[in-house]
Amino acid sequence: MSFNESFHQSASSPSPEGGEAQYSASLTGNRGESPEEVMKHRKQDFRTLWRARRRELDPADRAGQSADLTSTILDWYLPRAQHRRVAAVLSYGAEPDTGPLLEALHGAGVEVLVPITEPERQLSWTAWHPGVEVARSPVAPIDEPVGERLGVETMETVDLVLVPAQAVDTRGFRLGQGGGYYDRFLAALYRQRSASSTSGTSSASSSDATTVPGAGPAPSALPVTVAVVFRHELMTRGQVPSSEFDEPVDGAVTADGFTWFGQV
């Protein structure tokens, strides 16, 4: 089975519950004098709440879910790999631990790309391997791998992009750290993806360029973008506050499996 054909088959689709994932508007009230200011405060408070919830996760539960995420992604991706290139997040702090996943992908002969923060809140990408040299980012308080920096055009031969998120809802909207790096990257990626589909240079037929809710992205929609979250961070539709500049992802993965969102 090809990587493309597999999107319409057996990915697990857990059903998020609304209860514990409910977003409470009482967190923010109506702070702000414009809709944009109100949304900014809502996102800030939402982010504070879900950061705290992530930090409070039991260490054993965190480790167990991270291990299950690793096996879930590997079991789903490796039999379907087309280009054998994956763009993945380097986890920090209380995020799901992606270290074992990156090592396993590299060990399986998959080229792993990781993000590099650039000026003006942009991302570039560089190759990762175990033991890669790292250096402090000049624009963010993190250490990043040293190597050739690649632009969004390199995504033309990437199968899967794993995206960080504090939470994601079933519209595909995610809440990140607030810097806007990934929204800018995703916007550029989707423009490229659309252009490739229109020009016929996509890795699949443009006649398949539709998305069926629950069945996975259309084959022409490569690379596929997937948020990596803990179970309680996958929410029902509309729970994550979003604005016109926020870019959705195609799906999410938790320790329980993949959920595909369909078109927003």
Protein backbone atom coordinates (compact mmCIF):
# COMPACT_ATOMS: atom_id res chain seq x y z
CA MET A 1 0.00 0.00 0.00
CA SER A 2 1.37 3.42 -0.93
CA PHE A 3 1.78 6.29 1.50
CA ASN A 4 -0.92 8.24 -0.36
CA GLU A 5 -3.51 5.45 -0.50
CA SER A 6 -3.17 4.75 3.19
CA PHE A 7 -4.81 8.06 4.16
CA HIS A 8 -8.18 6.59 3.26
CA GLN A 9 -7.73 3.52 5.42
CA SER A 10 -7.14 2.33 8.96
CA ALA A 11 -5.87 5.31 10.97
CA SER A 12 -7.30 5.21 14.48
CA SER A 13 -9.70 8.07 15.21
CA PRO A 14 -10.32 8.57 18.93
CA SER A 15 -13.36 10.67 19.78
CA PRO A 16 -12.35 13.59 22.00
CA GLU A 17 -14.64 14.30 24.91
CA GLY A 18 -15.78 17.84 25.60
CA GLY A 19 -15.80 17.60 29.40
CA GLU A 20 -12.29 18.11 30.73
CA ALA A 21 -11.21 19.82 27.52
CA GLN A 22 -13.87 22.52 27.81
CA TYR A 23 -12.65 26.05 27.29
CA SER A 24 -14.18 28.45 29.79
CA ALA A 25 -14.83 31.99 28.60
CA SER A 26 -14.87 33.02 32.26
CA LEU A 27 -11.07 32.84 32.14
CA THR A 28 -10.97 36.03 30.14
CA GLY A 29 -14.26 37.83 30.47
CA ASN A 30 -14.30 40.64 27.90
CA ARG A 31 -10.85 42.14 28.41
CA GLY A 32 -9.82 44.32 25.52
CA GLU A 33 -11.48 47.11 23.60
CA SER A 34 -11.55 45.40 20.20
CA PRO A 35 -12.28 41.86 18.99
CA GLU A 36 -8.56 41.45 18.27
CA GLU A 37 -7.61 42.41 21.84
CA VAL A 38 -10.26 40.12 23.30
CA MET A 39 -8.94 37.22 21.23
CA LYS A 40 -5.37 38.00 22.27
CA HIS A 41 -6.33 37.80 25.95
CA ARG A 42 -8.32 34.62 25.43
CA LYS A 43 -5.37 32.95 23.77
CA GLN A 44 -3.01 34.09 26.51
CA ASP A 45 -5.26 32.75 29.25
CA PHE A 46 -5.98 29.55 27.37
CA ARG A 47 -2.27 29.02 26.87
CA THR A 48 -1.55 29.64 30.56
CA LEU A 49 -4.22 27.13 31.58
CA TRP A 50 -3.05 24.35 29.29
CA ARG A 51 0.62 24.90 30.03
CA ALA A 52 -0.21 24.39 33.69
CA ARG A 53 -2.21 21.26 32.94
CA ARG A 54 0.69 19.87 30.92
CA ARG A 55 3.17 20.56 33.72
CA GLU A 56 0.84 18.87 36.22
CA LEU A 57 0.66 15.66 34.21
CA ASP A 58 1.98 12.73 36.26
CA PRO A 59 5.57 11.95 35.17
CA ALA A 60 4.79 8.27 34.67
CA ASP A 61 1.74 9.16 32.57
CA ARG A 62 3.81 11.64 30.56
CA ALA A 63 6.48 9.03 29.88
CA GLY A 64 3.92 6.36 29.03
CA GLN A 65 2.02 8.57 26.61
CA SER A 66 5.26 9.73 24.99
CA ALA A 67 6.34 6.11 24.46
CA ASP A 68 2.93 5.24 23.00
CA LEU A 69 3.10 8.29 20.72
CA THR A 70 6.45 7.08 19.41
CA SER A 71 5.18 3.61 18.59
CA THR A 72 1.91 4.97 17.15
CA ILE A 73 3.71 7.31 14.74
CA LEU A 74 6.27 4.69 13.71
CA ASP A 75 3.65 1.98 13.16
CA TRP A 76 1.55 4.32 11.05
CA TYR A 77 4.27 6.06 9.08
CA LEU A 78 6.96 3.51 8.24
CA PRO A 79 4.78 1.16 6.13
CA ARG A 80 3.43 4.18 4.25
CA ALA A 81 6.61 6.20 3.77
CA GLN A 82 6.99 7.58 0.26
CA HIS A 83 9.92 10.02 0.36
CA ARG A 84 11.23 8.79 3.73
CA ARG A 85 11.61 12.36 4.95
CA VAL A 86 9.87 13.65 8.08
CA ALA A 87 9.91 17.14 9.58
CA ALA A 88 9.55 16.85 13.33
CA VAL A 89 9.60 19.01 16.41
CA LEU A 90 12.42 18.90 18.94
CA SER A 91 10.59 18.64 22.24
CA TYR A 92 11.35 20.90 25.19
CA GLY A 93 10.26 20.92 28.82
CA ALA A 94 6.90 19.27 29.44
CA GLU A 95 6.10 18.61 25.76
CA PRO A 96 5.58 15.04 24.55
CA ASP A 97 9.08 13.56 24.32
CA THR A 98 10.04 13.23 20.66
CA GLY A 99 13.66 12.20 21.28
CA PRO A 100 13.10 8.43 20.97
CA LEU A 101 10.93 8.99 17.89
CA LEU A 102 13.63 10.98 16.08
CA GLU A 103 16.22 8.34 16.92
CA ALA A 104 13.96 5.54 15.71
CA LEU A 105 13.17 7.34 12.46
CA HIS A 106 16.86 7.99 11.83
CA GLY A 107 17.66 4.37 12.63
CA ALA A 108 15.05 3.26 10.09
CA GLY A 109 16.74 5.27 7.35
CA VAL A 110 14.33 8.21 7.40
CA GLU A 111 15.79 11.68 6.93
CA VAL A 112 14.70 13.81 9.89
CA LEU A 113 14.39 17.58 9.56
CA VAL A 114 13.95 19.88 12.55
CA PRO A 115 13.01 23.56 12.74
CA ILE A 116 15.39 26.48 13.10
CA THR A 117 14.07 29.82 14.34
CA GLU A 118 14.86 32.72 12.03
CA PRO A 119 14.42 36.51 12.27
CA GLU A 120 10.93 37.92 11.74
CA ARG A 121 9.43 34.80 13.35
CA GLN A 122 10.17 32.54 10.41
CA LEU A 123 11.30 28.90 10.36
CA SER A 124 13.93 27.16 8.31
CA TRP A 125 14.83 23.46 8.55
CA THR A 126 17.99 21.43 8.95
CA ALA A 127 18.89 17.75 9.06
CA TRP A 128 18.98 16.06 12.47
CA HIS A 129 20.88 12.97 13.56
CA PRO A 130 21.89 11.61 16.98
CA GLY A 131 24.76 13.64 18.38
CA VAL A 132 24.31 16.55 15.96
CA GLU A 133 26.15 19.71 16.99
CA VAL A 134 23.87 22.34 18.52
CA ALA A 135 24.22 26.07 19.13
CA ARG A 136 22.16 28.71 20.88
CA SER A 137 19.60 30.36 18.66
CA PRO A 138 20.22 34.08 18.19
CA VAL A 139 16.48 34.78 18.19
CA ALA A 140 15.03 32.32 20.74
CA PRO A 141 16.14 30.89 24.11
CA ILE A 142 16.75 27.38 22.76
CA ASP A 143 19.60 25.27 21.41
CA GLU A 144 19.26 24.24 17.76
CA PRO A 145 21.18 21.89 15.47
CA VAL A 146 23.93 23.34 13.31
CA GLY A 147 23.72 22.63 9.58
CA GLU A 148 22.52 23.78 6.19
CA ARG A 149 19.28 25.71 6.49
CA LEU A 150 16.51 24.72 4.11
CA GLY A 151 13.46 26.73 3.14
CA VAL A 152 9.85 25.67 2.76
CA GLU A 153 10.61 24.36 -0.74
CA THR A 154 12.29 21.33 0.85
CA MET A 155 8.84 20.22 2.02
CA GLU A 156 8.04 19.14 -1.54
CA THR A 157 9.72 15.82 -0.71
CA VAL A 158 8.61 15.50 2.92
CA ASP A 159 5.82 13.05 3.77
CA LEU A 160 4.90 14.13 7.27
CA VAL A 161 5.27 17.32 9.33
CA LEU A 162 4.86 16.89 13.08
CA VAL A 163 3.77 20.18 14.64
CA PRO A 164 3.93 21.19 18.31
CA ALA A 165 0.77 22.37 20.08
CA GLN A 166 -0.48 23.19 23.55
CA ALA A 167 -3.86 21.91 22.40
CA VAL A 168 -5.73 21.23 19.15
CA ASP A 169 -9.42 20.93 18.35
CA THR A 170 -11.18 18.92 15.69
CA ARG A 171 -11.35 21.85 13.29
CA GLY A 172 -7.58 21.48 13.13
CA PHE A 173 -6.83 24.72 14.94
CA ARG A 174 -3.99 24.51 17.42
CA LEU A 175 -2.57 26.80 20.03
CA GLY A 176 1.19 27.00 20.14
CA GLN A 177 3.60 29.02 22.25
CA GLY A 178 2.40 32.34 20.86
CA GLY A 179 5.30 33.28 18.62
CA GLY A 180 3.50 32.65 15.34
CA TYR A 181 6.42 30.73 13.84
CA TYR A 182 4.38 27.70 12.84
CA ASP A 183 1.39 29.68 11.56
CA ARG A 184 3.71 31.52 9.17
CA PHE A 185 5.38 28.28 8.15
CA LEU A 186 2.06 26.47 7.65
CA ALA A 187 0.69 29.33 5.54
CA ALA A 188 3.73 29.12 3.26
CA LEU A 189 3.54 25.34 3.16
CA TYR A 190 -0.13 25.33 2.18
CA ARG A 191 0.52 27.86 -0.58
CA GLN A 192 3.21 25.57 -1.91
CA ARG A 193 1.02 22.51 -1.52
CA SER A 194 -1.81 24.19 -3.39
CA ALA A 195 0.48 25.35 -6.18
CA SER A 196 1.93 21.85 -6.56
CA SER A 197 -1.54 20.36 -6.80
CA THR A 198 -2.68 22.95 -9.35
CA SER A 199 0.41 22.56 -11.52
CA GLY A 200 0.24 18.80 -11.45
CA THR A 201 3.62 18.43 -9.74
CA SER A 202 2.15 16.93 -6.60
CA SER A 203 3.10 13.38 -5.74
CA ALA A 204 -0.49 12.31 -6.41
CA SER A 205 -3.30 13.07 -8.79
CA SER A 206 -4.97 16.44 -8.34
CA SER A 207 -8.32 14.76 -9.04
CA ASP A 208 -8.10 13.41 -5.49
CA ALA A 209 -7.62 16.87 -3.99
CA THR A 210 -10.49 16.71 -1.52
CA THR A 211 -10.50 15.90 2.15
CA VAL A 212 -13.01 13.51 3.66
CA PRO A 213 -13.63 14.05 7.40
CA GLY A 214 -12.42 11.09 9.40
CA ALA A 215 -10.65 9.45 6.46
CA GLY A 216 -7.45 11.44 6.34
CA PRO A 217 -6.11 14.11 4.01
CA ALA A 218 -6.47 13.73 0.27
CA PRO A 219 -3.51 12.01 -1.40
CA SER A 220 -2.41 15.20 -3.17
CA ALA A 221 -2.12 17.03 0.16
CA LEU A 222 1.49 16.21 0.94
CA PRO A 223 3.21 16.72 3.23
CA VAL A 224 0.59 15.94 5.84
CA THR A 225 0.62 18.21 8.92
CA VAL A 226 -0.10 16.60 12.28
CA ALA A 227 -0.17 18.11 15.78
CA VAL A 228 1.49 16.03 18.51
CA VAL A 229 -0.38 16.25 21.83
CA PHE A 230 -1.26 14.39 24.99
CA ARG A 231 -4.69 12.75 25.17
CA HIS A 232 -6.39 15.50 27.16
CA GLU A 233 -5.14 18.16 24.71
CA LEU A 234 -7.22 16.89 21.79
CA MET A 235 -10.47 18.85 22.03
CA THR A 236 -13.86 19.02 20.44
CA ARG A 237 -14.61 21.37 17.57
CA GLY A 238 -14.39 25.05 18.40
CA GLN A 239 -12.74 24.71 21.81
CA VAL A 240 -9.42 26.28 20.84
CA PRO A 241 -9.71 30.06 20.32
CA SER A 242 -8.61 30.98 16.82
CA SER A 243 -8.36 34.02 14.55
CA GLU A 244 -8.08 34.58 10.81
CA PHE A 245 -4.30 34.29 10.89
CA ASP A 246 -4.27 30.85 12.52
CA GLU A 247 -3.53 27.93 10.21
CA PRO A 248 -5.14 24.52 10.80
CA VAL A 249 -3.35 21.18 10.67
CA ASP A 250 -4.59 18.11 8.82
CA GLY A 251 -4.74 15.91 11.89
CA ALA A 252 -3.50 15.15 15.38
CA VAL A 253 -1.80 12.22 16.99
CA THR A 254 -2.06 11.14 20.62
CA ALA A 255 -1.05 7.96 22.41
CA ASP A 256 -4.37 6.50 21.20
CA GLY A 257 -3.83 7.06 17.50
CA PHE A 258 -4.38 9.52 14.68
CA THR A 259 -7.42 11.74 14.24
CA TRP A 260 -8.02 13.38 10.84
CA PHE A 261 -9.98 16.59 10.80
CA GLY A 262 -11.07 17.07 7.20
CA GLN A 263 -11.50 20.47 5.63
CA VAL A 264 -12.13 23.42 7.93
